[in-house]
Amino acid sequence: MITAILILAILTAVLWLAFKCTGLCLSILLWVFIKLPIAMFLWSLGLVFCCTILLIPIGIAMFRMGGNILFA
């Protein structure tokens, strides 16, 4: 009986660890393949907008938006 309880406890710990590792991997993949390209695009667009005098406020907003997407 004690053996069965220990086996179930070990199985529970292993499944919990697998669940946490899966969530970590999905979070990393989301950051690398979705958030980072969008932020890089917004930063490059902000850089282009900052090159013209009339569009500097829009360029600054693009830089902020890229930072918010990446670090939020």
PDB file of N, CA and C in Angstrom:
ATOM      1  N   MET A   1       0.819  -1.192   0.000  1.00  0.00           N
ATOM      2  CA  MET A   1       0.000   0.000   0.000  1.00  0.00           C
ATOM      3  C   MET A   1       0.868   1.264   0.000  1.00  0.00           C
ATOM      4  N   ILE A   2       1.907   1.241   0.832  1.00  0.00           N
ATOM      5  CA  ILE A   2       2.823   2.382   0.891  1.00  0.00           C
ATOM      6  C   ILE A   2       3.530   2.553  -0.459  1.00  0.00           C
ATOM      7  N   THR A   3       3.868   1.436  -1.089  1.00  0.00           N
ATOM      8  CA  THR A   3       4.545   1.502  -2.386  1.00  0.00           C
ATOM      9  C   THR A   3       3.657   2.173  -3.422  1.00  0.00           C
ATOM     10  N   ALA A   4       2.386   1.840  -3.443  1.00  0.00           N
ATOM     11  CA  ALA A   4       1.459   2.436  -4.398  1.00  0.00           C
ATOM     12  C   ALA A   4       1.330   3.942  -4.160  1.00  0.00           C
ATOM     13  N   ILE A   5       1.275   4.350  -2.913  1.00  0.00           N
ATOM     14  CA  ILE A   5       1.176   5.773  -2.591  1.00  0.00           C
ATOM     15  C   ILE A   5       2.449   6.506  -3.025  1.00  0.00           C
ATOM     16  N   LEU A   6       3.607   5.903  -2.796  1.00  0.00           N
ATOM     17  CA  LEU A   6       4.864   6.518  -3.213  1.00  0.00           C
ATOM     18  C   LEU A   6       4.965   6.611  -4.735  1.00  0.00           C
ATOM     19  N   ILE A   7       4.531   5.565  -5.425  1.00  0.00           N
ATOM     20  CA  ILE A   7       4.549   5.585  -6.892  1.00  0.00           C
ATOM     21  C   ILE A   7       3.626   6.677  -7.419  1.00  0.00           C
ATOM     22  N   LEU A   8       2.449   6.811  -6.831  1.00  0.00           N
ATOM     23  CA  LEU A   8       1.529   7.871  -7.254  1.00  0.00           C
ATOM     24  C   LEU A   8       2.086   9.262  -6.946  1.00  0.00           C
ATOM     25  N   ALA A   9       2.776   9.401  -5.833  1.00  0.00           N
ATOM     26  CA  ALA A   9       3.383  10.694  -5.488  1.00  0.00           C
ATOM     27  C   ALA A   9       4.492  11.045  -6.476  1.00  0.00           C
ATOM     28  N   ILE A  10       5.310  10.076  -6.817  1.00  0.00           N
ATOM     29  CA  ILE A  10       6.379  10.312  -7.793  1.00  0.00           C
ATOM     30  C   ILE A  10       5.792  10.625  -9.164  1.00  0.00           C
ATOM     31  N   LEU A  11       4.758   9.900  -9.565  1.00  0.00           N
ATOM     32  CA  LEU A  11       4.099  10.143 -10.843  1.00  0.00           C
ATOM     33  C   LEU A  11       3.487  11.544 -10.880  1.00  0.00           C
ATOM     34  N   THR A  12       2.891  11.954  -9.784  1.00  0.00           N
ATOM     35  CA  THR A  12       2.319  13.303  -9.702  1.00  0.00           C
ATOM     36  C   THR A  12       3.410  14.359  -9.835  1.00  0.00           C
ATOM     37  N   ALA A  13       4.528  14.168  -9.175  1.00  0.00           N
ATOM     38  CA  ALA A  13       5.634  15.130  -9.259  1.00  0.00           C
ATOM     39  C   ALA A  13       6.200  15.195 -10.673  1.00  0.00           C
ATOM     40  N   VAL A  14       6.329  14.050 -11.329  1.00  0.00           N
ATOM     41  CA  VAL A  14       6.860  14.030 -12.700  1.00  0.00           C
ATOM     42  C   VAL A  14       5.898  14.707 -13.662  1.00  0.00           C
ATOM     43  N   LEU A  15       4.616  14.450 -13.535  1.00  0.00           N
ATOM     44  CA  LEU A  15       3.632  15.083 -14.410  1.00  0.00           C
ATOM     45  C   LEU A  15       3.546  16.589 -14.157  1.00  0.00           C
ATOM     46  N   TRP A  16       3.668  17.017 -12.911  1.00  0.00           N
ATOM     47  CA  TRP A  16       3.676  18.449 -12.603  1.00  0.00           C
ATOM     48  C   TRP A  16       4.885  19.127 -13.235  1.00  0.00           C
ATOM     49  N   LEU A  17       6.048  18.477 -13.138  1.00  0.00           N
ATOM     50  CA  LEU A  17       7.257  19.030 -13.741  1.00  0.00           C
ATOM     51  C   LEU A  17       7.132  19.088 -15.263  1.00  0.00           C
ATOM     52  N   ALA A  18       6.551  18.079 -15.874  1.00  0.00           N
ATOM     53  CA  ALA A  18       6.346  18.081 -17.322  1.00  0.00           C
ATOM     54  C   ALA A  18       5.389  19.196 -17.731  1.00  0.00           C
ATOM     55  N   PHE A  19       4.358  19.415 -16.942  1.00  0.00           N
ATOM     56  CA  PHE A  19       3.404  20.494 -17.221  1.00  0.00           C
ATOM     57  C   PHE A  19       4.096  21.856 -17.172  1.00  0.00           C
ATOM     58  N   LYS A  20       4.937  22.063 -16.165  1.00  0.00           N
ATOM     59  CA  LYS A  20       5.663  23.330 -16.034  1.00  0.00           C
ATOM     60  C   LYS A  20       6.653  23.516 -17.186  1.00  0.00           C
ATOM     61  N   CYS A  21       7.360  22.464 -17.572  1.00  0.00           N
ATOM     62  CA  CYS A  21       8.318  22.560 -18.673  1.00  0.00           C
ATOM     63  C   CYS A  21       7.618  22.818 -20.001  1.00  0.00           C
ATOM     64  N   THR A  22       6.456  22.231 -20.214  1.00  0.00           N
ATOM     65  CA  THR A  22       5.689  22.473 -21.427  1.00  0.00           C
ATOM     66  C   THR A  22       5.237  23.922 -21.492  1.00  0.00           C
ATOM     67  N   GLY A  23       4.761  24.464 -20.402  1.00  0.00           N
ATOM     68  CA  GLY A  23       4.360  25.866 -20.360  1.00  0.00           C
ATOM     69  C   GLY A  23       5.535  26.796 -20.610  1.00  0.00           C
ATOM     70  N   LEU A  24       6.696  26.463 -20.069  1.00  0.00           N
ATOM     71  CA  LEU A  24       7.894  27.260 -20.292  1.00  0.00           C
ATOM     72  C   LEU A  24       8.289  27.248 -21.762  1.00  0.00           C
ATOM     73  N   CYS A  25       8.260  26.068 -22.379  1.00  0.00           N
ATOM     74  CA  CYS A  25       8.616  25.962 -23.799  1.00  0.00           C
ATOM     75  C   CYS A  25       7.628  26.728 -24.673  1.00  0.00           C
ATOM     76  N   LEU A  26       6.357  26.644 -24.384  1.00  0.00           N
ATOM     77  CA  LEU A  26       5.369  27.398 -25.162  1.00  0.00           C
ATOM     78  C   LEU A  26       5.545  28.898 -24.978  1.00  0.00           C
ATOM     79  N   SER A  27       5.876  29.326 -23.784  1.00  0.00           N
ATOM     80  CA  SER A  27       6.109  30.742 -23.527  1.00  0.00           C
ATOM     81  C   SER A  27       7.326  31.247 -24.305  1.00  0.00           C
ATOM     82  N   ILE A  28       8.381  30.469 -24.328  1.00  0.00           N
ATOM     83  CA  ILE A  28       9.587  30.852 -25.079  1.00  0.00           C
ATOM     84  C   ILE A  28       9.297  30.905 -26.568  1.00  0.00           C
ATOM     85  N   LEU A  29       8.571  29.909 -27.091  1.00  0.00           N
ATOM     86  CA  LEU A  29       8.237  29.901 -28.511  1.00  0.00           C
ATOM     87  C   LEU A  29       7.353  31.081 -28.883  1.00  0.00           C
ATOM     88  N   LEU A  30       6.407  31.437 -28.028  1.00  0.00           N
ATOM     89  CA  LEU A  30       5.553  32.597 -28.274  1.00  0.00           C
ATOM     90  C   LEU A  30       6.384  33.865 -28.328  1.00  0.00           C
ATOM     91  N   TRP A  31       7.344  34.004 -27.413  1.00  0.00           N
ATOM     92  CA  TRP A  31       8.167  35.199 -27.365  1.00  0.00           C
ATOM     93  C   TRP A  31       9.066  35.294 -28.594  1.00  0.00           C
ATOM     94  N   VAL A  32       9.702  34.173 -28.965  1.00  0.00           N
ATOM     95  CA  VAL A  32      10.679  34.198 -30.058  1.00  0.00           C
ATOM     96  C   VAL A  32      10.018  34.324 -31.424  1.00  0.00           C
ATOM     97  N   PHE A  33       8.926  33.608 -31.653  1.00  0.00           N
ATOM     98  CA  PHE A  33       8.360  33.554 -32.995  1.00  0.00           C
ATOM     99  C   PHE A  33       7.204  34.513 -33.241  1.00  0.00           C
ATOM    100  N   ILE A  34       6.643  35.118 -32.204  1.00  0.00           N
ATOM    101  CA  ILE A  34       5.523  36.039 -32.414  1.00  0.00           C
ATOM    102  C   ILE A  34       5.864  37.434 -31.891  1.00  0.00           C
ATOM    103  N   LYS A  35       6.217  37.543 -30.621  1.00  0.00           N
ATOM    104  CA  LYS A  35       6.442  38.859 -30.041  1.00  0.00           C
ATOM    105  C   LYS A  35       7.692  39.545 -30.587  1.00  0.00           C
ATOM    106  N   LEU A  36       8.786  38.822 -30.704  1.00  0.00           N
ATOM    107  CA  LEU A  36      10.032  39.425 -31.161  1.00  0.00           C
ATOM    108  C   LEU A  36       9.948  39.940 -32.598  1.00  0.00           C
ATOM    109  N   PRO A  37       9.410  39.175 -33.563  1.00  0.00           N
ATOM    110  CA  PRO A  37       9.303  39.735 -34.922  1.00  0.00           C
ATOM    111  C   PRO A  37       8.384  40.952 -35.007  1.00  0.00           C
ATOM    112  N   ILE A  38       7.281  40.940 -34.270  1.00  0.00           N
ATOM    113  CA  ILE A  38       6.379  42.098 -34.291  1.00  0.00           C
ATOM    114  C   ILE A  38       7.087  43.318 -33.707  1.00  0.00           C
ATOM    115  N   ALA A  39       7.804  43.132 -32.604  1.00  0.00           N
ATOM    116  CA  ALA A  39       8.516  44.254 -31.985  1.00  0.00           C
ATOM    117  C   ALA A  39       9.624  44.764 -32.906  1.00  0.00           C
ATOM    118  N   MET A  40      10.349  43.874 -33.565  1.00  0.00           N
ATOM    119  CA  MET A  40      11.407  44.305 -34.488  1.00  0.00           C
ATOM    120  C   MET A  40      10.814  45.089 -35.656  1.00  0.00           C
ATOM    121  N   PHE A  41       9.668  44.645 -36.167  1.00  0.00           N
ATOM    122  CA  PHE A  41       9.007  45.362 -37.252  1.00  0.00           C
ATOM    123  C   PHE A  41       8.577  46.756 -36.799  1.00  0.00           C
ATOM    124  N   LEU A  42       7.999  46.841 -35.600  1.00  0.00           N
ATOM    125  CA  LEU A  42       7.566  48.146 -35.099  1.00  0.00           C
ATOM    126  C   LEU A  42       8.756  49.070 -34.830  1.00  0.00           C
ATOM    127  N   TRP A  43       9.860  48.511 -34.320  1.00  0.00           N
ATOM    128  CA  TRP A  43      11.042  49.335 -34.085  1.00  0.00           C
ATOM    129  C   TRP A  43      11.628  49.846 -35.399  1.00  0.00           C
ATOM    130  N   SER A  44      11.665  48.988 -36.421  1.00  0.00           N
ATOM    131  CA  SER A  44      12.192  49.447 -37.709  1.00  0.00           C
ATOM    132  C   SER A  44      11.259  50.482 -38.333  1.00  0.00           C
ATOM    133  N   LEU A  45       9.960  50.287 -38.190  1.00  0.00           N
ATOM    134  CA  LEU A  45       9.000  51.274 -38.684  1.00  0.00           C
ATOM    135  C   LEU A  45       9.136  52.588 -37.914  1.00  0.00           C
ATOM    136  N   GLY A  46       9.354  52.512 -36.626  1.00  0.00           N
ATOM    137  CA  GLY A  46       9.585  53.712 -35.823  1.00  0.00           C
ATOM    138  C   GLY A  46      10.854  54.432 -36.242  1.00  0.00           C
ATOM    139  N   LEU A  47      11.889  53.668 -36.578  1.00  0.00           N
ATOM    140  CA  LEU A  47      13.129  54.278 -37.054  1.00  0.00           C
ATOM    141  C   LEU A  47      12.907  55.003 -38.383  1.00  0.00           C
ATOM    142  N   VAL A  48      12.134  54.400 -39.275  1.00  0.00           N
ATOM    143  CA  VAL A  48      11.826  55.046 -40.550  1.00  0.00           C
ATOM    144  C   VAL A  48      11.013  56.309 -40.316  1.00  0.00           C
ATOM    145  N   PHE A  49      10.035  56.254 -39.427  1.00  0.00           N
ATOM    146  CA  PHE A  49       9.209  57.430 -39.155  1.00  0.00           C
ATOM    147  C   PHE A  49      10.011  58.542 -38.471  1.00  0.00           C
ATOM    148  N   CYS A  50      11.005  58.164 -37.656  1.00  0.00           N
ATOM    149  CA  CYS A  50      11.802  59.178 -36.981  1.00  0.00           C
ATOM    150  C   CYS A  50      12.765  59.879 -37.938  1.00  0.00           C
ATOM    151  N   CYS A  51      12.973  59.328 -39.125  1.00  0.00           N
ATOM    152  CA  CYS A  51      13.851  59.984 -40.098  1.00  0.00           C
ATOM    153  C   CYS A  51      13.193  61.201 -40.732  1.00  0.00           C
ATOM    154  N   THR A  52      11.885  61.279 -40.699  1.00  0.00           N
ATOM    155  CA  THR A  52      11.205  62.451 -41.246  1.00  0.00           C
ATOM    156  C   THR A  52      10.745  63.332 -40.093  1.00  0.00           C
ATOM    157  N   ILE A  53      10.816  64.620 -40.290  1.00  0.00           N
ATOM    158  CA  ILE A  53      10.530  65.560 -39.195  1.00  0.00           C
ATOM    159  C   ILE A  53       9.058  65.528 -38.786  1.00  0.00           C
ATOM    160  N   LEU A  54       8.154  65.421 -39.748  1.00  0.00           N
ATOM    161  CA  LEU A  54       6.728  65.478 -39.424  1.00  0.00           C
ATOM    162  C   LEU A  54       6.214  64.220 -38.731  1.00  0.00           C
ATOM    163  N   LEU A  55       6.895  63.098 -38.942  1.00  0.00           N
ATOM    164  CA  LEU A  55       6.396  61.834 -38.387  1.00  0.00           C
ATOM    165  C   LEU A  55       7.148  61.370 -37.138  1.00  0.00           C
ATOM    166  N   ILE A  56       7.926  62.244 -36.521  1.00  0.00           N
ATOM    167  CA  ILE A  56       8.683  61.861 -35.321  1.00  0.00           C
ATOM    168  C   ILE A  56       7.763  61.406 -34.180  1.00  0.00           C
ATOM    169  N   PRO A  57       6.631  62.067 -33.901  1.00  0.00           N
ATOM    170  CA  PRO A  57       5.759  61.553 -32.824  1.00  0.00           C
ATOM    171  C   PRO A  57       5.229  60.142 -33.110  1.00  0.00           C
ATOM    172  N   ILE A  58       4.931  59.858 -34.373  1.00  0.00           N
ATOM    173  CA  ILE A  58       4.473  58.507 -34.717  1.00  0.00           C
ATOM    174  C   ILE A  58       5.620  57.507 -34.538  1.00  0.00           C
ATOM    175  N   GLY A  59       6.845  57.906 -34.910  1.00  0.00           N
ATOM    176  CA  GLY A  59       8.007  57.031 -34.729  1.00  0.00           C
ATOM    177  C   GLY A  59       8.265  56.712 -33.271  1.00  0.00           C
ATOM    178  N   ILE A  60       8.149  57.719 -32.420  1.00  0.00           N
ATOM    179  CA  ILE A  60       8.339  57.493 -30.978  1.00  0.00           C
ATOM    180  C   ILE A  60       7.254  56.560 -30.444  1.00  0.00           C
ATOM    181  N   ALA A  61       6.035  56.737 -30.936  1.00  0.00           N
ATOM    182  CA  ALA A  61       4.942  55.851 -30.516  1.00  0.00           C
ATOM    183  C   ALA A  61       5.194  54.414 -30.971  1.00  0.00           C
ATOM    184  N   MET A  62       5.775  54.242 -32.162  1.00  0.00           N
ATOM    185  CA  MET A  62       6.095  52.896 -32.650  1.00  0.00           C
ATOM    186  C   MET A  62       7.170  52.243 -31.776  1.00  0.00           C
ATOM    187  N   PHE A  63       8.186  53.028 -31.380  1.00  0.00           N
ATOM    188  CA  PHE A  63       9.208  52.490 -30.476  1.00  0.00           C
ATOM    189  C   PHE A  63       8.585  52.050 -29.149  1.00  0.00           C
ATOM    190  N   ARG A  64       7.696  52.868 -28.606  1.00  0.00           N
ATOM    191  CA  ARG A  64       7.037  52.518 -27.339  1.00  0.00           C
ATOM    192  C   ARG A  64       6.172  51.267 -27.496  1.00  0.00           C
ATOM    193  N   MET A  65       5.429  51.204 -28.610  1.00  0.00           N
ATOM    194  CA  MET A  65       4.552  50.060 -28.823  1.00  0.00           C
ATOM    195  C   MET A  65       5.363  48.763 -28.962  1.00  0.00           C
ATOM    196  N   GLY A  66       6.488  48.837 -29.680  1.00  0.00           N
ATOM    197  CA  GLY A  66       7.357  47.659 -29.803  1.00  0.00           C
ATOM    198  C   GLY A  66       7.902  47.224 -28.460  1.00  0.00           C
ATOM    199  N   GLY A  67       8.295  48.193 -27.634  1.00  0.00           N
ATOM    200  CA  GLY A  67       8.795  47.853 -26.284  1.00  0.00           C
ATOM    201  C   GLY A  67       7.703  47.271 -25.418  1.00  0.00           C
ATOM    202  N   ASN A  68       6.496  47.803 -25.526  1.00  0.00           N
ATOM    203  CA  ASN A  68       5.386  47.265 -24.728  1.00  0.00           C
ATOM    204  C   ASN A  68       5.036  45.850 -25.147  1.00  0.00           C
ATOM    205  N   ILE A  69       5.080  45.569 -26.442  1.00  0.00           N
ATOM    206  CA  ILE A  69       4.772  44.212 -26.906  1.00  0.00           C
ATOM    207  C   ILE A  69       5.840  43.245 -26.434  1.00  0.00           C
ATOM    208  N   LEU A  70       7.093  43.658 -26.504  1.00  0.00           N
ATOM    209  CA  LEU A  70       8.189  42.747 -26.179  1.00  0.00           C
ATOM    210  C   LEU A  70       8.334  42.519 -24.688  1.00  0.00           C
ATOM    211  N   PHE A  71       8.184  43.558 -23.885  1.00  0.00           N
ATOM    212  CA  PHE A  71       8.466  43.443 -22.456  1.00  0.00           C
ATOM    213  C   PHE A  71       7.224  43.358 -21.570  1.00  0.00           C
ATOM    214  N   ALA A  72       6.053  43.270 -22.157  1.00  0.00           N
ATOM    215  CA  ALA A  72       4.833  43.173 -21.343  1.00  0.00           C
ATOM    216  C   ALA A  72       4.372  41.744 -21.235  1.00  0.00           C
TER     217      ALA A  72
END
